[in-house]
């Protein structure tokens, strides 16, 4: 039992991370359906619930069984680390209608009554129309549920990738997989990654490598089992989900504000996790140009480092900045 990914020599060099706005949209829709997922998203739920009711998400919900098959054509792997929602949705719209009907049928039979329902029969009757209907609905879900908060979500996901990339550099695949989820096991003697879960899925990666995707709305679950020809993918819960919807913790320490100026001190204190200019501007309610100017000064002063991830530049505190913010918080107490 369990899901098994079997690595060959080339696969060890082809593991990569990516962020998927399309996946987060799908999982946001699923979160509305699954109460056990909602505890960490209550502020978001209160804000979107009325708008979500207008969307009529039943066609998507019908394809989200509690256990069993989810349509693979709706979840193509991102081709790069920082694709846009529009780029991802275009790939779903271009799905070959031939395999789509069987993909839909496999999913519908996993939910009692779904296959015989009016919606299920409509989707199966015309796969071309089904793809169009589902992608149009997914696009409306993105615009309503996810796009307004995407800078915040993307910052969390990119900070997670930076953290785990460092674990990989420091300790190799064993350290990486041990830190992603308790249900994952790396077997170095056979170069096999196992997900401890009911059912069975056994896949040799065959040189494709493994795509690793953090997810905020997918918390607390780890997802695998994508069948060929889809890219082998592992989706795992992102770190820091507990503070995703909270404001920046605490007031800016007065001592630090006197030293750096209040605006720059607020920017520095907001960097509990690495973040981009856009994410910080969204978090602090400032213009990106203003935040960019503060970041430049803090970096020149040796308080920040910058690293590029895809199309984003993430800023992070240096040890000196960590010491300054820690001492300042201690003095204020």
Protein backbone atom coordinates (compact mmCIF):
# COMPACT_ATOMS: atom_id res chain seq x y z
CA UNK A 1 0.00 0.00 0.00
CA UNK A 2 1.02 3.62 -0.31
CA UNK A 3 2.25 5.84 -3.15
CA UNK A 4 5.78 5.20 -4.41
CA UNK A 5 7.97 7.42 -6.60
CA UNK A 6 11.00 5.53 -7.87
CA UNK A 7 13.99 7.70 -8.79
CA UNK A 8 16.60 6.88 -11.40
CA UNK A 9 20.04 8.55 -11.61
CA UNK A 10 18.77 11.38 -13.82
CA UNK A 11 15.74 12.08 -11.65
CA UNK A 12 17.86 13.12 -8.69
CA UNK A 13 19.06 16.08 -10.78
CA UNK A 14 15.60 17.03 -12.04
CA UNK A 15 13.69 17.78 -8.84
CA UNK A 16 12.33 21.32 -8.97
CA UNK A 17 9.94 23.62 -7.13
CA UNK A 18 7.08 25.65 -8.56
CA UNK A 19 4.18 27.84 -7.45
CA UNK A 20 0.80 27.31 -9.10
CA UNK A 21 -1.97 29.94 -8.87
CA UNK A 22 -4.27 27.50 -10.71
CA UNK A 23 -3.68 24.83 -8.07
CA UNK A 24 -4.36 27.31 -5.26
CA UNK A 25 -7.62 28.26 -6.96
CA UNK A 26 -8.67 24.63 -7.22
CA UNK A 27 -7.81 24.04 -3.57
CA UNK A 28 -9.59 27.21 -2.46
CA UNK A 29 -12.71 25.80 -4.11
CA UNK A 30 -12.12 22.49 -2.32
CA UNK A 31 -11.63 24.27 1.02
CA UNK A 32 -15.15 25.71 0.76
CA UNK A 33 -16.37 22.13 0.51
CA UNK A 34 -14.26 20.57 3.30
CA UNK A 35 -14.84 21.92 6.86
CA UNK A 36 -11.70 20.20 8.21
CA UNK A 37 -9.58 22.49 6.03
CA UNK A 38 -11.16 25.75 7.12
CA UNK A 39 -9.69 26.41 10.57
CA UNK A 40 -6.70 28.40 9.29
CA UNK A 41 -8.70 30.31 6.66
CA UNK A 42 -11.55 31.79 8.70
CA UNK A 43 -10.81 35.49 7.87
CA UNK A 44 -10.71 34.57 4.18
CA UNK A 45 -13.88 32.48 4.47
CA UNK A 46 -15.82 35.32 6.08
CA UNK A 47 -14.75 37.65 3.30
CA UNK A 48 -15.54 35.40 0.30
CA UNK A 49 -18.49 33.29 1.44
CA UNK A 50 -21.24 35.45 -0.07
CA UNK A 51 -19.43 35.84 -3.38
CA UNK A 52 -18.68 32.10 -3.49
CA UNK A 53 -22.38 31.27 -3.19
CA UNK A 54 -23.07 33.26 -6.36
CA UNK A 55 -20.48 31.27 -8.35
CA UNK A 56 -22.34 27.89 -8.20
CA UNK A 57 -19.25 25.71 -7.79
CA UNK A 58 -21.17 22.42 -8.01
CA UNK A 59 -19.58 21.23 -11.30
CA UNK A 60 -16.10 21.56 -9.75
CA UNK A 61 -17.18 20.12 -6.39
CA UNK A 62 -18.63 17.07 -8.16
CA UNK A 63 -15.09 16.31 -9.40
CA UNK A 64 -13.54 16.54 -5.93
CA UNK A 65 -14.29 13.17 -4.28
CA UNK A 66 -13.28 12.62 -0.66
CA UNK A 67 -11.20 9.67 -1.82
CA UNK A 68 -10.41 8.49 -5.31
CA UNK A 69 -9.60 10.05 -8.63
CA UNK A 70 -9.45 13.78 -9.34
CA UNK A 71 -9.33 14.70 -13.06
CA UNK A 72 -5.71 15.00 -14.13
CA UNK A 73 -6.49 17.25 -17.11
CA UNK A 74 -7.55 19.99 -14.66
CA UNK A 75 -4.13 19.90 -12.95
CA UNK A 76 -1.28 20.09 -15.48
CA UNK A 77 2.07 20.75 -13.82
CA UNK A 78 3.39 24.32 -14.13
CA UNK A 79 6.02 24.59 -16.86
CA UNK A 80 8.09 27.10 -14.87
CA UNK A 81 8.62 28.29 -11.30
CA UNK A 82 6.43 31.42 -11.57
CA UNK A 83 3.73 30.91 -14.19
CA UNK A 84 0.62 33.09 -14.24
CA UNK A 85 -2.90 31.84 -13.73
CA UNK A 86 -3.74 32.79 -17.33
CA UNK A 87 -0.84 30.70 -18.67
CA UNK A 88 -1.92 27.70 -16.62
CA UNK A 89 -5.58 27.98 -17.54
CA UNK A 90 -4.68 28.17 -21.24
CA UNK A 91 -3.10 24.70 -20.93
CA UNK A 92 -6.27 23.31 -19.33
CA UNK A 93 -8.41 24.86 -22.08
CA UNK A 94 -6.20 23.11 -24.65
CA UNK A 95 -6.79 19.64 -23.14
CA UNK A 96 -7.35 16.85 -25.67
CA UNK A 97 -11.09 16.06 -25.45
CA UNK A 98 -10.38 12.40 -26.24
CA UNK A 99 -9.01 11.42 -22.80
CA UNK A 100 -11.12 14.05 -20.98
CA UNK A 101 -14.33 11.99 -20.95
CA UNK A 102 -12.65 8.99 -19.29
CA UNK A 103 -10.86 11.30 -16.86
CA UNK A 104 -14.23 12.81 -15.89
CA UNK A 105 -15.92 9.41 -15.61
CA UNK A 106 -13.17 8.05 -13.32
CA UNK A 107 -13.70 10.99 -11.01
CA UNK A 108 -17.51 10.98 -11.03
CA UNK A 109 -17.77 7.32 -10.03
CA UNK A 110 -15.83 8.11 -6.83
CA UNK A 111 -18.72 10.19 -5.44
CA UNK A 112 -22.04 8.38 -4.87
CA UNK A 113 -24.70 9.71 -7.22
CA UNK A 114 -22.35 12.03 -9.15
CA UNK A 115 -22.24 9.95 -12.32
CA UNK A 116 -26.05 9.81 -12.58
CA UNK A 117 -26.61 13.47 -11.68
CA UNK A 118 -27.73 16.04 -14.24
CA UNK A 119 -24.40 17.86 -13.96
CA UNK A 120 -22.39 14.64 -14.30
CA UNK A 121 -24.34 13.55 -17.37
CA UNK A 122 -23.95 17.00 -18.94
CA UNK A 123 -20.19 16.94 -18.46
CA UNK A 124 -19.85 13.45 -19.94
CA UNK A 125 -22.13 14.14 -22.91
CA UNK A 126 -19.84 16.75 -24.45
CA UNK A 127 -16.18 16.79 -23.25
CA UNK A 128 -15.38 19.88 -25.33
CA UNK A 129 -18.18 21.82 -23.66
CA UNK A 130 -17.20 20.35 -20.29
CA UNK A 131 -13.67 21.71 -20.59
CA UNK A 132 -15.03 25.12 -21.55
CA UNK A 133 -17.56 25.14 -18.68
CA UNK A 134 -15.06 24.02 -16.05
CA UNK A 135 -12.31 26.42 -17.11
CA UNK A 136 -14.72 29.35 -17.26
CA UNK A 137 -15.86 28.49 -13.75
CA UNK A 138 -12.27 28.13 -12.58
CA UNK A 139 -11.47 31.55 -14.00
CA UNK A 140 -14.36 33.14 -12.10
CA UNK A 141 -13.23 31.34 -8.94
CA UNK A 142 -9.71 32.74 -9.37
CA UNK A 143 -10.98 36.29 -9.80
CA UNK A 144 -13.33 36.06 -6.81
CA UNK A 145 -11.57 33.82 -4.31
CA UNK A 146 -7.82 34.02 -4.90
CA UNK A 147 -6.63 36.90 -7.08
CA UNK A 148 -7.29 39.65 -4.47
CA UNK A 149 -5.02 37.81 -2.01
CA UNK A 150 -2.51 36.38 -4.47
CA UNK A 151 0.43 38.65 -3.43
CA UNK A 152 0.05 37.44 0.17
CA UNK A 153 -0.33 33.79 -0.89
CA UNK A 154 2.57 33.92 -3.35
CA UNK A 155 4.84 35.45 -0.71
CA UNK A 156 4.06 32.55 1.66
CA UNK A 157 4.67 29.93 -1.03
CA UNK A 158 7.92 31.49 -2.24
CA UNK A 159 9.22 31.80 1.31
CA UNK A 160 8.49 28.10 1.79
CA UNK A 161 10.42 27.21 -1.36
CA UNK A 162 13.40 29.26 -0.23
CA UNK A 163 13.38 27.50 3.16
CA UNK A 164 13.25 24.00 1.67
CA UNK A 165 15.79 24.81 -1.03
CA UNK A 166 18.24 25.59 1.75
CA UNK A 167 17.41 22.30 3.47
CA UNK A 168 18.14 20.51 0.20
CA UNK A 169 21.46 22.32 -0.16
CA UNK A 170 22.48 21.60 3.43
CA UNK A 171 21.30 18.01 3.83
CA UNK A 172 20.33 16.53 0.48
CA UNK A 173 17.10 14.75 -0.43
CA UNK A 174 16.83 13.01 2.94
CA UNK A 175 16.68 16.34 4.79
CA UNK A 176 14.34 17.83 2.18
CA UNK A 177 11.74 15.08 2.22
CA UNK A 178 11.89 14.58 5.99
CA UNK A 179 10.86 18.22 6.43
CA UNK A 180 8.01 18.38 3.91
CA UNK A 181 5.33 16.23 5.59
CA UNK A 182 5.11 13.51 8.26
CA UNK A 183 3.60 11.06 5.76
CA UNK A 184 6.66 11.16 3.48
CA UNK A 185 9.50 8.66 3.72
CA UNK A 186 12.71 8.72 1.70
CA UNK A 187 14.34 5.30 1.25
CA UNK A 188 17.92 6.02 0.24
CA UNK A 189 18.78 2.35 -0.31
CA UNK A 190 16.26 2.11 -3.17
CA UNK A 191 15.98 5.83 -4.11
CA UNK A 192 12.23 5.68 -3.48
CA UNK A 193 9.93 8.30 -2.01
CA UNK A 194 6.82 6.90 -0.31
CA UNK A 195 3.60 8.64 0.72
CA UNK A 196 1.94 6.78 3.59
CA UNK A 197 -1.72 6.70 2.56
CA UNK A 198 -4.49 4.25 1.56
CA UNK A 199 -4.47 2.95 -1.99
CA UNK A 200 -1.55 2.20 -4.23
CA UNK A 201 0.30 4.22 -6.84
CA UNK A 202 3.68 3.09 -8.13
CA UNK A 203 5.53 5.25 -10.61
CA UNK A 204 9.05 5.24 -11.99
CA UNK A 205 10.01 8.83 -12.75
CA UNK A 206 11.90 7.79 -15.91
CA UNK A 207 14.04 10.90 -16.15
CA UNK A 208 11.21 13.40 -15.66
CA UNK A 209 12.23 14.19 -12.08
CA UNK A 210 9.74 15.26 -9.42
CA UNK A 211 7.93 18.60 -9.26
CA UNK A 212 7.45 19.89 -5.70
CA UNK A 213 4.65 22.39 -5.09
CA UNK A 214 3.83 24.02 -1.74
CA UNK A 215 0.16 24.79 -1.20
CA UNK A 216 -1.61 27.09 1.24
CA UNK A 217 -5.19 25.98 0.62
CA UNK A 218 -4.15 22.33 0.34
CA UNK A 219 -3.10 22.26 4.02
CA UNK A 220 -2.80 19.82 5.82
CA UNK A 221 -2.74 17.23 3.05
CA UNK A 222 0.03 15.92 0.83
CA UNK A 223 -1.05 15.03 -2.72
CA UNK A 224 0.52 12.71 -5.27
CA UNK A 225 -0.61 10.01 -7.65
CA UNK A 226 -0.62 11.88 -10.97
CA UNK A 227 -0.75 9.32 -13.78
CA UNK A 228 1.26 9.36 -17.04
CA UNK A 229 1.60 11.34 -19.21
CA UNK A 230 1.37 14.01 -16.50
CA UNK A 231 4.54 15.25 -14.83
CA UNK A 232 5.22 13.37 -11.55
CA UNK A 233 4.21 15.91 -8.89
CA UNK A 234 4.11 16.13 -5.11
CA UNK A 235 1.98 18.85 -3.50
CA UNK A 236 2.69 19.50 0.17
CA UNK A 237 1.37 21.97 2.80
CA UNK A 238 3.29 25.25 2.95
CA UNK A 239 4.96 26.42 6.14
CA UNK A 240 3.58 29.42 8.03
CA UNK A 241 -0.09 28.75 7.28
CA UNK A 242 -1.08 29.74 10.82
CA UNK A 243 -0.09 33.37 10.25
CA UNK A 244 -1.24 33.64 6.63
CA UNK A 245 -4.26 35.85 7.30
CA UNK A 246 -2.93 37.69 10.35
CA UNK A 247 -1.54 41.21 10.35
CA UNK A 248 2.14 41.87 10.98
CA UNK A 249 2.81 40.80 14.56
CA UNK A 250 3.01 43.60 17.13
CA UNK A 251 3.90 47.28 16.89
CA UNK A 252 7.22 48.42 15.49
CA UNK A 253 9.68 48.77 18.39
CA UNK A 254 10.28 52.44 19.26
CA UNK A 255 14.04 51.96 19.62
CA UNK A 256 14.30 50.53 16.13
CA UNK A 257 12.04 53.27 14.71
CA UNK A 258 14.32 55.94 16.21
CA UNK A 259 17.38 54.23 14.75
CA UNK A 260 16.12 53.57 11.20
CA UNK A 261 13.07 55.79 10.83
CA UNK A 262 9.61 54.35 11.40
CA UNK A 263 8.83 53.44 7.79
CA UNK A 264 12.06 51.50 7.25
CA UNK A 265 11.73 49.84 10.66
CA UNK A 266 8.22 48.66 9.71
CA UNK A 267 9.53 47.19 6.47
CA UNK A 268 12.31 45.38 8.35
CA UNK A 269 9.92 44.03 11.00
CA UNK A 270 7.53 42.78 8.32
CA UNK A 271 10.20 40.43 6.97
CA UNK A 272 9.57 37.54 9.34
CA UNK A 273 9.82 35.40 6.20
CA UNK A 274 11.51 36.29 2.89
CA UNK A 275 9.19 38.39 0.74
CA UNK A 276 9.08 40.37 -2.49
CA UNK A 277 8.55 44.11 -2.90
CA UNK A 278 4.98 43.53 -4.10
CA UNK A 279 4.12 41.24 -1.18
CA UNK A 280 5.50 43.70 1.36
CA UNK A 281 3.66 46.60 -0.24
CA UNK A 282 0.42 44.62 -0.07
CA UNK A 283 1.08 43.63 3.54
CA UNK A 284 1.95 47.15 4.70
CA UNK A 285 -0.51 49.08 2.56
CA UNK A 286 2.25 51.10 0.87
CA UNK A 287 3.11 51.87 -2.74
CA UNK A 288 5.58 49.35 -4.24
CA UNK A 289 7.90 52.21 -5.21
CA UNK A 290 8.03 53.37 -1.58
CA UNK A 291 8.78 49.88 -0.29
CA UNK A 292 11.41 49.38 -3.00
CA UNK A 293 13.22 52.55 -1.89
CA UNK A 294 13.25 51.41 1.75
CA UNK A 295 14.47 47.94 0.76
CA UNK A 296 17.33 49.43 -1.22
CA UNK A 297 18.50 51.50 1.75
CA UNK A 298 18.21 48.57 4.16
CA UNK A 299 20.13 46.32 1.79
CA UNK A 300 22.87 48.92 1.34
CA UNK A 301 23.15 49.15 5.14
CA UNK A 302 23.79 45.41 5.39
CA UNK A 303 20.42 44.60 6.95
CA UNK A 304 18.93 42.65 4.04
CA UNK A 305 20.01 40.20 1.38
CA UNK A 306 18.20 39.66 -1.92
CA UNK A 307 17.84 36.43 -3.90
CA UNK A 308 16.03 35.87 -7.18
CA UNK A 309 13.38 33.15 -7.38
CA UNK A 310 11.83 32.92 -10.84
CA UNK A 311 10.53 36.39 -11.72
CA UNK A 312 10.57 37.52 -8.09
CA UNK A 313 13.34 38.99 -5.93
CA UNK A 314 12.92 37.93 -2.29
CA UNK A 315 14.38 40.02 0.53
CA UNK A 316 15.52 38.50 3.81
CA UNK A 317 17.01 39.84 7.03
CA UNK A 318 20.73 39.42 7.63
CA UNK A 319 21.99 38.18 11.03
CA UNK A 320 22.61 41.83 11.99
CA UNK A 321 18.98 42.72 11.24
CA UNK A 322 17.72 39.69 13.16
CA UNK A 323 19.80 40.78 16.16
CA UNK A 324 18.52 44.37 15.90
CA UNK A 325 14.85 43.39 15.74
CA UNK A 326 15.26 40.88 18.58
CA UNK A 327 17.04 43.35 20.85
CA UNK A 328 14.50 46.08 20.04
CA UNK A 329 11.55 43.87 20.91
CA UNK A 330 13.26 42.88 24.12
CA UNK A 331 13.87 46.53 25.11
CA UNK A 332 10.21 47.42 24.48
CA UNK A 333 9.07 44.67 26.84
